[in-house]
Amino acid sequence: MRRQARRKRLSMTSLIDVIFLLLLFFMLSSTFTRFGEIDLTSASGGGAGASGNAPLFLQVSTQSLGLNGREIGLDALPGALNEGKPVLVSLRPDVSSQRLVDVLVTLKSVPNLSVTVLEGT
């Protein structure tokens, strides 16, 4: 007669310990920096700036951009802006967050540009 070999029960304790150590390692070695930060300045009530620089007015809608009343493409926007001039960004009510981020990333490529996003009511 042949005896059936009994299977030995596997202990899950060592597997749980290894998973816990890996989790702890990755949590402690991860960086929690924000890679896509965009600095925003919110417009507040008050008088006009004393700089004497007339700001550029950028109106953002879902399909188009208007710079001082003229329609402009997103790719042509950096070339139309002057360094150091303030830009006021106004949003139409139907503008998505992604559209705003695309415009702000494009504006960030222009050096020494002051961008203010106007709050809608």
PDB file of N, CA and C in Angstrom:
ATOM      1  N   MET A   1       0.805  -1.185   0.000  1.00  0.00           N
ATOM      2  CA  MET A   1       0.000   0.000   0.000  1.00  0.00           C
ATOM      3  C   MET A   1       0.847   1.247   0.000  1.00  0.00           C
ATOM      4  N   ARG A   2       0.380   2.117  -0.734  1.00  0.00           N
ATOM      5  CA  ARG A   2       1.096   3.376  -0.848  1.00  0.00           C
ATOM      6  C   ARG A   2       0.409   4.429   0.005  1.00  0.00           C
ATOM      7  N   ARG A   3       1.150   5.133   0.772  1.00  0.00           N
ATOM      8  CA  ARG A   3       0.581   6.191   1.607  1.00  0.00           C
ATOM      9  C   ARG A   3       0.510   7.480   0.810  1.00  0.00           C
ATOM     10  N   GLN A   4      -0.583   8.152   0.978  1.00  0.00           N
ATOM     11  CA  GLN A   4      -0.714   9.454   0.316  1.00  0.00           C
ATOM     12  C   GLN A   4       0.100  10.476   1.078  1.00  0.00           C
ATOM     13  N   ALA A   5       0.832  11.270   0.342  1.00  0.00           N
ATOM     14  CA  ALA A   5       1.647  12.315   0.971  1.00  0.00           C
ATOM     15  C   ALA A   5       0.731  13.452   1.407  1.00  0.00           C
ATOM     16  N   ARG A   6       0.863  13.823   2.639  1.00  0.00           N
ATOM     17  CA  ARG A   6       0.046  14.928   3.160  1.00  0.00           C
ATOM     18  C   ARG A   6       0.709  16.249   2.804  1.00  0.00           C
ATOM     19  N   ARG A   7      -0.110  17.147   2.395  1.00  0.00           N
ATOM     20  CA  ARG A   7       0.411  18.478   2.088  1.00  0.00           C
ATOM     21  C   ARG A   7       0.568  19.265   3.366  1.00  0.00           C
ATOM     22  N   LYS A   8       1.650  19.976   3.435  1.00  0.00           N
ATOM     23  CA  LYS A   8       1.923  20.817   4.587  1.00  0.00           C
ATOM     24  C   LYS A   8       1.230  22.161   4.380  1.00  0.00           C
ATOM     25  N   ARG A   9       0.585  22.687   5.400  1.00  0.00           N
ATOM     26  CA  ARG A   9      -0.097  23.979   5.292  1.00  0.00           C
ATOM     27  C   ARG A   9       0.924  25.099   5.139  1.00  0.00           C
ATOM     28  N   LEU A  10       0.635  25.986   4.237  1.00  0.00           N
ATOM     29  CA  LEU A  10       1.527  27.126   4.029  1.00  0.00           C
ATOM     30  C   LEU A  10       1.182  28.227   5.018  1.00  0.00           C
ATOM     31  N   SER A  11       2.201  28.820   5.566  1.00  0.00           N
ATOM     32  CA  SER A  11       2.003  29.917   6.488  1.00  0.00           C
ATOM     33  C   SER A  11       2.051  31.233   5.714  1.00  0.00           C
ATOM     34  N   MET A  12       1.050  32.075   5.922  1.00  0.00           N
ATOM     35  CA  MET A  12       0.982  33.358   5.226  1.00  0.00           C
ATOM     36  C   MET A  12       1.731  34.464   5.970  1.00  0.00           C
ATOM     37  N   THR A  13       2.237  34.166   7.139  1.00  0.00           N
ATOM     38  CA  THR A  13       2.880  35.193   7.958  1.00  0.00           C
ATOM     39  C   THR A  13       4.092  35.799   7.262  1.00  0.00           C
ATOM     40  N   SER A  14       4.929  34.968   6.691  1.00  0.00           N
ATOM     41  CA  SER A  14       6.134  35.499   6.043  1.00  0.00           C
ATOM     42  C   SER A  14       5.779  36.305   4.794  1.00  0.00           C
ATOM     43  N   LEU A  15       4.767  35.895   4.064  1.00  0.00           N
ATOM     44  CA  LEU A  15       4.345  36.645   2.885  1.00  0.00           C
ATOM     45  C   LEU A  15       3.802  38.023   3.286  1.00  0.00           C
ATOM     46  N   ILE A  16       3.026  38.079   4.336  1.00  0.00           N
ATOM     47  CA  ILE A  16       2.491  39.352   4.816  1.00  0.00           C
ATOM     48  C   ILE A  16       3.620  40.253   5.293  1.00  0.00           C
ATOM     49  N   ASP A  17       4.622  39.688   5.954  1.00  0.00           N
ATOM     50  CA  ASP A  17       5.771  40.480   6.404  1.00  0.00           C
ATOM     51  C   ASP A  17       6.520  41.080   5.220  1.00  0.00           C
ATOM     52  N   VAL A  18       6.728  40.314   4.186  1.00  0.00           N
ATOM     53  CA  VAL A  18       7.438  40.812   3.000  1.00  0.00           C
ATOM     54  C   VAL A  18       6.630  41.920   2.329  1.00  0.00           C
ATOM     55  N   ILE A  19       5.331  41.741   2.202  1.00  0.00           N
ATOM     56  CA  ILE A  19       4.495  42.769   1.583  1.00  0.00           C
ATOM     57  C   ILE A  19       4.518  44.038   2.416  1.00  0.00           C
ATOM     58  N   PHE A  20       4.461  43.909   3.727  1.00  0.00           N
ATOM     59  CA  PHE A  20       4.520  45.074   4.599  1.00  0.00           C
ATOM     60  C   PHE A  20       5.852  45.807   4.447  1.00  0.00           C
ATOM     61  N   LEU A  21       6.962  45.081   4.393  1.00  0.00           N
ATOM     62  CA  LEU A  21       8.276  45.717   4.224  1.00  0.00           C
ATOM     63  C   LEU A  21       8.391  46.415   2.875  1.00  0.00           C
ATOM     64  N   LEU A  22       7.859  45.815   1.820  1.00  0.00           N
ATOM     65  CA  LEU A  22       7.882  46.470   0.503  1.00  0.00           C
ATOM     66  C   LEU A  22       7.031  47.741   0.506  1.00  0.00           C
ATOM     67  N   LEU A  23       5.867  47.658   1.112  1.00  0.00           N
ATOM     68  CA  LEU A  23       5.009  48.828   1.208  1.00  0.00           C
ATOM     69  C   LEU A  23       5.690  49.943   1.974  1.00  0.00           C
ATOM     70  N   LEU A  24       6.310  49.610   3.074  1.00  0.00           N
ATOM     71  CA  LEU A  24       7.021  50.593   3.886  1.00  0.00           C
ATOM     72  C   LEU A  24       8.189  51.204   3.104  1.00  0.00           C
ATOM     73  N   PHE A  25       8.932  50.382   2.392  1.00  0.00           N
ATOM     74  CA  PHE A  25      10.055  50.876   1.599  1.00  0.00           C
ATOM     75  C   PHE A  25       9.596  51.868   0.538  1.00  0.00           C
ATOM     76  N   PHE A  26       8.557  51.515  -0.221  1.00  0.00           N
ATOM     77  CA  PHE A  26       8.103  52.398  -1.291  1.00  0.00           C
ATOM     78  C   PHE A  26       7.468  53.675  -0.748  1.00  0.00           C
ATOM     79  N   MET A  27       6.814  53.597   0.384  1.00  0.00           N
ATOM     80  CA  MET A  27       6.241  54.812   0.975  1.00  0.00           C
ATOM     81  C   MET A  27       7.335  55.767   1.438  1.00  0.00           C
ATOM     82  N   LEU A  28       8.384  55.241   2.017  1.00  0.00           N
ATOM     83  CA  LEU A  28       9.449  56.095   2.529  1.00  0.00           C
ATOM     84  C   LEU A  28      10.385  56.603   1.439  1.00  0.00           C
ATOM     85  N   SER A  29      10.505  55.882   0.345  1.00  0.00           N
ATOM     86  CA  SER A  29      11.420  56.307  -0.712  1.00  0.00           C
ATOM     87  C   SER A  29      10.736  57.142  -1.795  1.00  0.00           C
ATOM     88  N   SER A  30       9.433  57.269  -1.747  1.00  0.00           N
ATOM     89  CA  SER A  30       8.713  58.052  -2.750  1.00  0.00           C
ATOM     90  C   SER A  30       8.858  59.535  -2.474  1.00  0.00           C
ATOM     91  N   THR A  31       8.790  60.297  -3.546  1.00  0.00           N
ATOM     92  CA  THR A  31       8.780  61.750  -3.399  1.00  0.00           C
ATOM     93  C   THR A  31       7.350  62.221  -3.610  1.00  0.00           C
ATOM     94  N   PHE A  32       6.978  63.191  -2.858  1.00  0.00           N
ATOM     95  CA  PHE A  32       5.626  63.704  -2.945  1.00  0.00           C
ATOM     96  C   PHE A  32       5.626  65.127  -3.475  1.00  0.00           C
ATOM     97  N   THR A  33       6.465  65.401  -4.444  1.00  0.00           N
ATOM     98  CA  THR A  33       6.497  66.736  -5.034  1.00  0.00           C
ATOM     99  C   THR A  33       5.433  66.831  -6.103  1.00  0.00           C
ATOM    100  N   ARG A  34       5.050  68.026  -6.390  1.00  0.00           N
ATOM    101  CA  ARG A  34       4.076  68.263  -7.448  1.00  0.00           C
ATOM    102  C   ARG A  34       4.840  68.662  -8.696  1.00  0.00           C
ATOM    103  N   PHE A  35       4.752  67.827  -9.712  1.00  0.00           N
ATOM    104  CA  PHE A  35       5.537  68.059 -10.910  1.00  0.00           C
ATOM    105  C   PHE A  35       4.939  69.133 -11.810  1.00  0.00           C
ATOM    106  N   GLY A  36       3.634  69.312 -11.780  1.00  0.00           N
ATOM    107  CA  GLY A  36       2.994  70.243 -12.693  1.00  0.00           C
ATOM    108  C   GLY A  36       2.398  71.444 -12.001  1.00  0.00           C
ATOM    109  N   GLU A  37       3.128  72.050 -11.093  1.00  0.00           N
ATOM    110  CA  GLU A  37       2.575  73.196 -10.377  1.00  0.00           C
ATOM    111  C   GLU A  37       2.430  74.390 -11.302  1.00  0.00           C
ATOM    112  N   ILE A  38       1.325  75.071 -11.149  1.00  0.00           N
ATOM    113  CA  ILE A  38       1.079  76.304 -11.889  1.00  0.00           C
ATOM    114  C   ILE A  38       0.726  77.363 -10.866  1.00  0.00           C
ATOM    115  N   ASP A  39       1.500  78.437 -10.856  1.00  0.00           N
ATOM    116  CA  ASP A  39       1.254  79.515  -9.914  1.00  0.00           C
ATOM    117  C   ASP A  39       0.125  80.395 -10.421  1.00  0.00           C
ATOM    118  N   LEU A  40      -0.826  80.682  -9.551  1.00  0.00           N
ATOM    119  CA  LEU A  40      -1.956  81.531  -9.904  1.00  0.00           C
ATOM    120  C   LEU A  40      -1.998  82.734  -8.984  1.00  0.00           C
ATOM    121  N   THR A  41      -2.381  83.859  -9.541  1.00  0.00           N
ATOM    122  CA  THR A  41      -2.649  85.045  -8.751  1.00  0.00           C
ATOM    123  C   THR A  41      -4.113  85.371  -8.960  1.00  0.00           C
ATOM    124  N   SER A  42      -4.850  85.406  -7.890  1.00  0.00           N
ATOM    125  CA  SER A  42      -6.267  85.704  -7.992  1.00  0.00           C
ATOM    126  C   SER A  42      -6.469  87.209  -7.936  1.00  0.00           C
ATOM    127  N   ALA A  43      -7.323  87.713  -8.784  1.00  0.00           N
ATOM    128  CA  ALA A  43      -7.586  89.155  -8.811  1.00  0.00           C
ATOM    129  C   ALA A  43      -8.399  89.538  -7.588  1.00  0.00           C
ATOM    130  N   SER A  44      -8.035  90.642  -6.990  1.00  0.00           N
ATOM    131  CA  SER A  44      -8.786  91.139  -5.839  1.00  0.00           C
ATOM    132  C   SER A  44      -9.240  92.554  -6.138  1.00  0.00           C
ATOM    133  N   GLY A  45     -10.217  93.014  -5.385  1.00  0.00           N
ATOM    134  CA  GLY A  45     -10.722  94.361  -5.596  1.00  0.00           C
ATOM    135  C   GLY A  45      -9.680  95.399  -5.241  1.00  0.00           C
ATOM    136  N   GLY A  46      -9.764  96.534  -5.868  1.00  0.00           N
ATOM    137  CA  GLY A  46      -8.799  97.586  -5.586  1.00  0.00           C
ATOM    138  C   GLY A  46      -8.535  98.394  -6.830  1.00  0.00           C
ATOM    139  N   GLY A  47      -7.648  99.346  -6.695  1.00  0.00           N
ATOM    140  CA  GLY A  47      -7.319 100.217  -7.815  1.00  0.00           C
ATOM    141  C   GLY A  47      -6.409  99.534  -8.805  1.00  0.00           C
ATOM    142  N   ALA A  48      -6.165 100.225  -9.878  1.00  0.00           N
ATOM    143  CA  ALA A  48      -5.284  99.708 -10.913  1.00  0.00           C
ATOM    144  C   ALA A  48      -3.848  99.760 -10.420  1.00  0.00           C
ATOM    145  N   GLY A  49      -3.005  98.948 -11.028  1.00  0.00           N
ATOM    146  CA  GLY A  49      -1.610  98.909 -10.628  1.00  0.00           C
ATOM    147  C   GLY A  49      -0.911 100.221 -10.959  1.00  0.00           C
ATOM    148  N   ALA A  50       0.073 100.547 -10.175  1.00  0.00           N
ATOM    149  CA  ALA A  50       0.791 101.795 -10.360  1.00  0.00           C
ATOM    150  C   ALA A  50       1.959 101.646 -11.310  1.00  0.00           C
ATOM    151  N   SER A  51       2.086 100.499 -11.950  1.00  0.00           N
ATOM    152  CA  SER A  51       3.242 100.266 -12.802  1.00  0.00           C
ATOM    153  C   SER A  51       3.176 101.063 -14.099  1.00  0.00           C
ATOM    154  N   GLY A  52       2.000 101.490 -14.514  1.00  0.00           N
ATOM    155  CA  GLY A  52       1.879 102.226 -15.764  1.00  0.00           C
ATOM    156  C   GLY A  52       1.811 101.311 -16.970  1.00  0.00           C
ATOM    157  N   ASN A  53       2.037 100.023 -16.783  1.00  0.00           N
ATOM    158  CA  ASN A  53       1.937  99.043 -17.859  1.00  0.00           C
ATOM    159  C   ASN A  53       0.479  98.665 -18.035  1.00  0.00           C
ATOM    160  N   ALA A  54      -0.075  98.939 -19.193  1.00  0.00           N
ATOM    161  CA  ALA A  54      -1.450  98.531 -19.448  1.00  0.00           C
ATOM    162  C   ALA A  54      -1.473  97.010 -19.603  1.00  0.00           C
ATOM    163  N   PRO A  55      -2.315  96.321 -18.865  1.00  0.00           N
ATOM    164  CA  PRO A  55      -2.323  94.853 -18.953  1.00  0.00           C
ATOM    165  C   PRO A  55      -2.941  94.376 -20.260  1.00  0.00           C
ATOM    166  N   LEU A  56      -2.527  93.181 -20.661  1.00  0.00           N
ATOM    167  CA  LEU A  56      -3.131  92.510 -21.804  1.00  0.00           C
ATOM    168  C   LEU A  56      -4.319  91.710 -21.291  1.00  0.00           C
ATOM    169  N   PHE A  57      -5.392  91.678 -22.061  1.00  0.00           N
ATOM    170  CA  PHE A  57      -6.606  90.989 -21.645  1.00  0.00           C
ATOM    171  C   PHE A  57      -6.789  89.753 -22.512  1.00  0.00           C
ATOM    172  N   LEU A  58      -6.764  88.579 -21.871  1.00  0.00           N
ATOM    173  CA  LEU A  58      -6.891  87.309 -22.589  1.00  0.00           C
ATOM    174  C   LEU A  58      -8.204  86.656 -22.200  1.00  0.00           C
ATOM    175  N   GLN A  59      -9.086  86.507 -23.171  1.00  0.00           N
ATOM    176  CA  GLN A  59     -10.376  85.852 -22.944  1.00  0.00           C
ATOM    177  C   GLN A  59     -10.280  84.418 -23.450  1.00  0.00           C
ATOM    178  N   VAL A  60     -10.599  83.468 -22.562  1.00  0.00           N
ATOM    179  CA  VAL A  60     -10.487  82.048 -22.890  1.00  0.00           C
ATOM    180  C   VAL A  60     -11.880  81.460 -23.022  1.00  0.00           C
ATOM    181  N   SER A  61     -12.141  80.857 -24.174  1.00  0.00           N
ATOM    182  CA  SER A  61     -13.384  80.108 -24.364  1.00  0.00           C
ATOM    183  C   SER A  61     -13.011  78.678 -24.758  1.00  0.00           C
ATOM    184  N   THR A  62     -14.000  77.831 -24.949  1.00  0.00           N
ATOM    185  CA  THR A  62     -13.701  76.419 -25.217  1.00  0.00           C
ATOM    186  C   THR A  62     -12.982  76.209 -26.551  1.00  0.00           C
ATOM    187  N   GLN A  63     -13.277  77.008 -27.553  1.00  0.00           N
ATOM    188  CA  GLN A  63     -12.710  76.799 -28.876  1.00  0.00           C
ATOM    189  C   GLN A  63     -11.711  77.865 -29.313  1.00  0.00           C
ATOM    190  N   SER A  64     -11.704  79.039 -28.661  1.00  0.00           N
ATOM    191  CA  SER A  64     -10.847  80.118 -29.146  1.00  0.00           C
ATOM    192  C   SER A  64     -10.268  80.917 -27.986  1.00  0.00           C
ATOM    193  N   LEU A  65      -9.287  81.729 -28.337  1.00  0.00           N
ATOM    194  CA  LEU A  65      -8.672  82.661 -27.404  1.00  0.00           C
ATOM    195  C   LEU A  65      -8.765  84.054 -28.013  1.00  0.00           C
ATOM    196  N   GLY A  66      -9.007  85.035 -27.192  1.00  0.00           N
ATOM    197  CA  GLY A  66      -9.020  86.413 -27.671  1.00  0.00           C
ATOM    198  C   GLY A  66      -8.025  87.233 -26.868  1.00  0.00           C
ATOM    199  N   LEU A  67      -7.063  87.858 -27.535  1.00  0.00           N
ATOM    200  CA  LEU A  67      -6.073  88.700 -26.877  1.00  0.00           C
ATOM    201  C   LEU A  67      -6.354  90.139 -27.264  1.00  0.00           C
ATOM    202  N   ASN A  68      -6.821  90.928 -26.293  1.00  0.00           N
ATOM    203  CA  ASN A  68      -7.210  92.325 -26.518  1.00  0.00           C
ATOM    204  C   ASN A  68      -8.218  92.456 -27.665  1.00  0.00           C
ATOM    205  N   GLY A  69      -9.159  91.538 -27.712  1.00  0.00           N
ATOM    206  CA  GLY A  69     -10.224  91.608 -28.711  1.00  0.00           C
ATOM    207  C   GLY A  69      -9.910  90.935 -30.033  1.00  0.00           C
ATOM    208  N   ARG A  70      -8.682  90.491 -30.254  1.00  0.00           N
ATOM    209  CA  ARG A  70      -8.311  89.799 -31.498  1.00  0.00           C
ATOM    210  C   ARG A  70      -8.222  88.304 -31.234  1.00  0.00           C
ATOM    211  N   GLU A  71      -8.755  87.505 -32.144  1.00  0.00           N
ATOM    212  CA  GLU A  71      -8.685  86.050 -31.992  1.00  0.00           C
ATOM    213  C   GLU A  71      -7.261  85.592 -32.286  1.00  0.00           C
ATOM    214  N   ILE A  72      -6.795  84.660 -31.454  1.00  0.00           N
ATOM    215  CA  ILE A  72      -5.424  84.174 -31.588  1.00  0.00           C
ATOM    216  C   ILE A  72      -5.409  82.682 -31.269  1.00  0.00           C
ATOM    217  N   GLY A  73      -4.497  81.959 -31.882  1.00  0.00           N
ATOM    218  CA  GLY A  73      -4.346  80.534 -31.607  1.00  0.00           C
ATOM    219  C   GLY A  73      -3.460  80.298 -30.397  1.00  0.00           C
ATOM    220  N   LEU A  74      -3.608  79.139 -29.796  1.00  0.00           N
ATOM    221  CA  LEU A  74      -2.826  78.811 -28.606  1.00  0.00           C
ATOM    222  C   LEU A  74      -1.331  78.755 -28.919  1.00  0.00           C
ATOM    223  N   ASP A  75      -0.971  78.255 -30.087  1.00  0.00           N
ATOM    224  CA  ASP A  75       0.447  78.157 -30.449  1.00  0.00           C
ATOM    225  C   ASP A  75       1.071  79.521 -30.756  1.00  0.00           C
ATOM    226  N   ALA A  76       0.270  80.508 -31.164  1.00  0.00           N
ATOM    227  CA  ALA A  76       0.784  81.844 -31.463  1.00  0.00           C
ATOM    228  C   ALA A  76       0.781  82.758 -30.245  1.00  0.00           C
ATOM    229  N   LEU A  77       0.238  82.292 -29.139  1.00  0.00           N
ATOM    230  CA  LEU A  77       0.102  83.131 -27.948  1.00  0.00           C
ATOM    231  C   LEU A  77       1.433  83.601 -27.362  1.00  0.00           C
ATOM    232  N   PRO A  78       2.450  82.745 -27.177  1.00  0.00           N
ATOM    233  CA  PRO A  78       3.700  83.237 -26.592  1.00  0.00           C
ATOM    234  C   PRO A  78       4.371  84.343 -27.412  1.00  0.00           C
ATOM    235  N   GLY A  79       4.280  84.277 -28.725  1.00  0.00           N
ATOM    236  CA  GLY A  79       4.889  85.299 -29.573  1.00  0.00           C
ATOM    237  C   GLY A  79       4.162  86.629 -29.519  1.00  0.00           C
ATOM    238  N   ALA A  80       2.887  86.621 -29.144  1.00  0.00           N
ATOM    239  CA  ALA A  80       2.106  87.852 -29.106  1.00  0.00           C
ATOM    240  C   ALA A  80       2.209  88.579 -27.776  1.00  0.00           C
ATOM    241  N   LEU A  81       2.839  87.958 -26.792  1.00  0.00           N
ATOM    242  CA  LEU A  81       2.938  88.560 -25.461  1.00  0.00           C
ATOM    243  C   LEU A  81       4.280  89.236 -25.269  1.00  0.00           C
ATOM    244  N   ASN A  82       4.281  90.332 -24.520  1.00  0.00           N
ATOM    245  CA  ASN A  82       5.510  91.042 -24.197  1.00  0.00           C
ATOM    246  C   ASN A  82       5.987  90.628 -22.820  1.00  0.00           C
ATOM    247  N   GLU A  83       7.305  90.462 -22.684  1.00  0.00           N
ATOM    248  CA  GLU A  83       7.861  90.113 -21.377  1.00  0.00           C
ATOM    249  C   GLU A  83       7.596  91.233 -20.384  1.00  0.00           C
ATOM    250  N   GLY A  84       7.239  90.858 -19.186  1.00  0.00           N
ATOM    251  CA  GLY A  84       7.052  91.834 -18.124  1.00  0.00           C
ATOM    252  C   GLY A  84       5.699  92.515 -18.103  1.00  0.00           C
ATOM    253  N   LYS A  85       4.892  92.324 -19.140  1.00  0.00           N
ATOM    254  CA  LYS A  85       3.569  92.929 -19.160  1.00  0.00           C
ATOM    255  C   LYS A  85       2.586  92.037 -18.430  1.00  0.00           C
ATOM    256  N   PRO A  86       1.730  92.614 -17.610  1.00  0.00           N
ATOM    257  CA  PRO A  86       0.738  91.781 -16.920  1.00  0.00           C
ATOM    258  C   PRO A  86      -0.341  91.282 -17.878  1.00  0.00           C
ATOM    259  N   VAL A  87      -0.813  90.070 -17.624  1.00  0.00           N
ATOM    260  CA  VAL A  87      -1.869  89.467 -18.439  1.00  0.00           C
ATOM    261  C   VAL A  87      -3.040  89.134 -17.523  1.00  0.00           C
ATOM    262  N   LEU A  88      -4.220  89.611 -17.886  1.00  0.00           N
ATOM    263  CA  LEU A  88      -5.451  89.287 -17.171  1.00  0.00           C
ATOM    264  C   LEU A  88      -6.176  88.205 -17.958  1.00  0.00           C
ATOM    265  N   VAL A  89      -6.457  87.092 -17.314  1.00  0.00           N
ATOM    266  CA  VAL A  89      -7.105  85.959 -17.976  1.00  0.00           C
ATOM    267  C   VAL A  89      -8.547  85.893 -17.498  1.00  0.00           C
ATOM    268  N   SER A  90      -9.468  85.984 -18.450  1.00  0.00           N
ATOM    269  CA  SER A  90     -10.892  85.894 -18.163  1.00  0.00           C
ATOM    270  C   SER A  90     -11.440  84.621 -18.796  1.00  0.00           C
ATOM    271  N   LEU A  91     -12.268  83.916 -18.046  1.00  0.00           N
ATOM    272  CA  LEU A  91     -12.792  82.634 -18.518  1.00  0.00           C
ATOM    273  C   LEU A  91     -14.278  82.738 -18.820  1.00  0.00           C
ATOM    274  N   ARG A  92     -14.677  82.131 -19.928  1.00  0.00           N
ATOM    275  CA  ARG A  92     -16.104  81.976 -20.202  1.00  0.00           C
ATOM    276  C   ARG A  92     -16.641  80.888 -19.268  1.00  0.00           C
ATOM    277  N   PRO A  93     -17.934  80.900 -18.982  1.00  0.00           N
ATOM    278  CA  PRO A  93     -18.483  79.918 -18.036  1.00  0.00           C
ATOM    279  C   PRO A  93     -18.334  78.454 -18.471  1.00  0.00           C
ATOM    280  N   ASP A  94     -18.236  78.189 -19.766  1.00  0.00           N
ATOM    281  CA  ASP A  94     -18.175  76.807 -20.237  1.00  0.00           C
ATOM    282  C   ASP A  94     -16.757  76.270 -20.417  1.00  0.00           C
ATOM    283  N   VAL A  95     -15.738  77.008 -19.984  1.00  0.00           N
ATOM    284  CA  VAL A  95     -14.351  76.577 -20.153  1.00  0.00           C
ATOM    285  C   VAL A  95     -14.031  75.451 -19.175  1.00  0.00           C
ATOM    286  N   SER A  96     -13.407  74.400 -19.705  1.00  0.00           N
ATOM    287  CA  SER A  96     -13.039  73.265 -18.862  1.00  0.00           C
ATOM    288  C   SER A  96     -11.728  73.544 -18.129  1.00  0.00           C
ATOM    289  N   SER A  97     -11.489  72.784 -17.103  1.00  0.00           N
ATOM    290  CA  SER A  97     -10.250  72.926 -16.339  1.00  0.00           C
ATOM    291  C   SER A  97      -9.040  72.595 -17.201  1.00  0.00           C
ATOM    292  N   GLN A  98      -9.173  71.607 -18.068  1.00  0.00           N
ATOM    293  CA  GLN A  98      -8.057  71.226 -18.933  1.00  0.00           C
ATOM    294  C   GLN A  98      -7.697  72.351 -19.897  1.00  0.00           C
ATOM    295  N   ARG A  99      -8.686  73.040 -20.406  1.00  0.00           N
ATOM    296  CA  ARG A  99      -8.433  74.172 -21.304  1.00  0.00           C
ATOM    297  C   ARG A  99      -7.673  75.276 -20.564  1.00  0.00           C
ATOM    298  N   LEU A 100      -8.083  75.559 -19.331  1.00  0.00           N
ATOM    299  CA  LEU A 100      -7.393  76.563 -18.524  1.00  0.00           C
ATOM    300  C   LEU A 100      -5.953  76.154 -18.260  1.00  0.00           C
ATOM    301  N   VAL A 101      -5.731  74.893 -17.931  1.00  0.00           N
ATOM    302  CA  VAL A 101      -4.371  74.412 -17.682  1.00  0.00           C
ATOM    303  C   VAL A 101      -3.520  74.519 -18.935  1.00  0.00           C
ATOM    304  N   ASP A 102      -4.074  74.176 -20.106  1.00  0.00           N
ATOM    305  CA  ASP A 102      -3.327  74.301 -21.361  1.00  0.00           C
ATOM    306  C   ASP A 102      -2.895  75.741 -21.600  1.00  0.00           C
ATOM    307  N   VAL A 103      -3.793  76.683 -21.359  1.00  0.00           N
ATOM    308  CA  VAL A 103      -3.475  78.103 -21.561  1.00  0.00           C
ATOM    309  C   VAL A 103      -2.420  78.557 -20.556  1.00  0.00           C
ATOM    310  N   LEU A 104      -2.560  78.156 -19.297  1.00  0.00           N
ATOM    311  CA  LEU A 104      -1.601  78.571 -18.276  1.00  0.00           C
ATOM    312  C   LEU A 104      -0.219  77.983 -18.502  1.00  0.00           C
ATOM    313  N   VAL A 105      -0.152  76.764 -18.991  1.00  0.00           N
ATOM    314  CA  VAL A 105       1.150  76.167 -19.315  1.00  0.00           C
ATOM    315  C   VAL A 105       1.801  76.930 -20.459  1.00  0.00           C
ATOM    316  N   THR A 106       1.024  77.329 -21.445  1.00  0.00           N
ATOM    317  CA  THR A 106       1.555  78.124 -22.548  1.00  0.00           C
ATOM    318  C   THR A 106       2.034  79.482 -22.052  1.00  0.00           C
ATOM    319  N   LEU A 107       1.265  80.111 -21.161  1.00  0.00           N
ATOM    320  CA  LEU A 107       1.669  81.407 -20.616  1.00  0.00           C
ATOM    321  C   LEU A 107       2.921  81.290 -19.754  1.00  0.00           C
ATOM    322  N   LYS A 108       3.101  80.157 -19.105  1.00  0.00           N
ATOM    323  CA  LYS A 108       4.272  79.963 -18.244  1.00  0.00           C
ATOM    324  C   LYS A 108       5.562  79.909 -19.048  1.00  0.00           C
ATOM    325  N   SER A 109       5.466  79.607 -20.335  1.00  0.00           N
ATOM    326  CA  SER A 109       6.666  79.533 -21.165  1.00  0.00           C
ATOM    327  C   SER A 109       7.242  80.914 -21.489  1.00  0.00           C
ATOM    328  N   VAL A 110       6.469  81.974 -21.260  1.00  0.00           N
ATOM    329  CA  VAL A 110       6.957  83.335 -21.502  1.00  0.00           C
ATOM    330  C   VAL A 110       7.626  83.829 -20.216  1.00  0.00           C
ATOM    331  N   PRO A 111       8.907  84.234 -20.295  1.00  0.00           N
ATOM    332  CA  PRO A 111       9.593  84.658 -19.074  1.00  0.00           C
ATOM    333  C   PRO A 111       9.085  86.006 -18.548  1.00  0.00           C
ATOM    334  N   ASN A 112       9.154  86.174 -17.255  1.00  0.00           N
ATOM    335  CA  ASN A 112       8.806  87.424 -16.557  1.00  0.00           C
ATOM    336  C   ASN A 112       7.400  87.905 -16.877  1.00  0.00           C
ATOM    337  N   LEU A 113       6.475  86.996 -16.995  1.00  0.00           N
ATOM    338  CA  LEU A 113       5.097  87.337 -17.308  1.00  0.00           C
ATOM    339  C   LEU A 113       4.259  87.224 -16.048  1.00  0.00           C
ATOM    340  N   SER A 114       3.517  88.262 -15.751  1.00  0.00           N
ATOM    341  CA  SER A 114       2.624  88.265 -14.590  1.00  0.00           C
ATOM    342  C   SER A 114       1.227  87.892 -15.052  1.00  0.00           C
ATOM    343  N   VAL A 115       0.721  86.754 -14.568  1.00  0.00           N
ATOM    344  CA  VAL A 115      -0.577  86.247 -14.993  1.00  0.00           C
ATOM    345  C   VAL A 115      -1.548  86.336 -13.823  1.00  0.00           C
ATOM    346  N   THR A 116      -2.711  86.945 -14.072  1.00  0.00           N
ATOM    347  CA  THR A 116      -3.775  87.026 -13.072  1.00  0.00           C
ATOM    348  C   THR A 116      -5.032  86.435 -13.674  1.00  0.00           C
ATOM    349  N   VAL A 117      -5.613  85.453 -12.978  1.00  0.00           N
ATOM    350  CA  VAL A 117      -6.856  84.834 -13.426  1.00  0.00           C
ATOM    351  C   VAL A 117      -8.001  85.555 -12.739  1.00  0.00           C
ATOM    352  N   LEU A 118      -8.902  86.120 -13.526  1.00  0.00           N
ATOM    353  CA  LEU A 118     -10.051  86.845 -12.983  1.00  0.00           C
ATOM    354  C   LEU A 118     -11.113  85.864 -12.531  1.00  0.00           C
ATOM    355  N   GLU A 119     -11.678  86.123 -11.372  1.00  0.00           N
ATOM    356  CA  GLU A 119     -12.730  85.271 -10.836  1.00  0.00           C
ATOM    357  C   GLU A 119     -14.058  85.696 -11.403  1.00  0.00           C
ATOM    358  N   GLY A 120     -14.861  84.733 -11.831  1.00  0.00           N
ATOM    359  CA  GLY A 120     -16.186  85.013 -12.360  1.00  0.00           C
ATOM    360  C   GLY A 120     -17.212  85.004 -11.231  1.00  0.00           C
ATOM    361  N   THR A 121     -18.337  85.631 -11.475  1.00  0.00           N
ATOM    362  CA  THR A 121     -19.396  85.661 -10.474  1.00  0.00           C
ATOM    363  C   THR A 121     -20.551  84.800 -10.915  1.00  0.00           C
TER     364      THR A 121
END
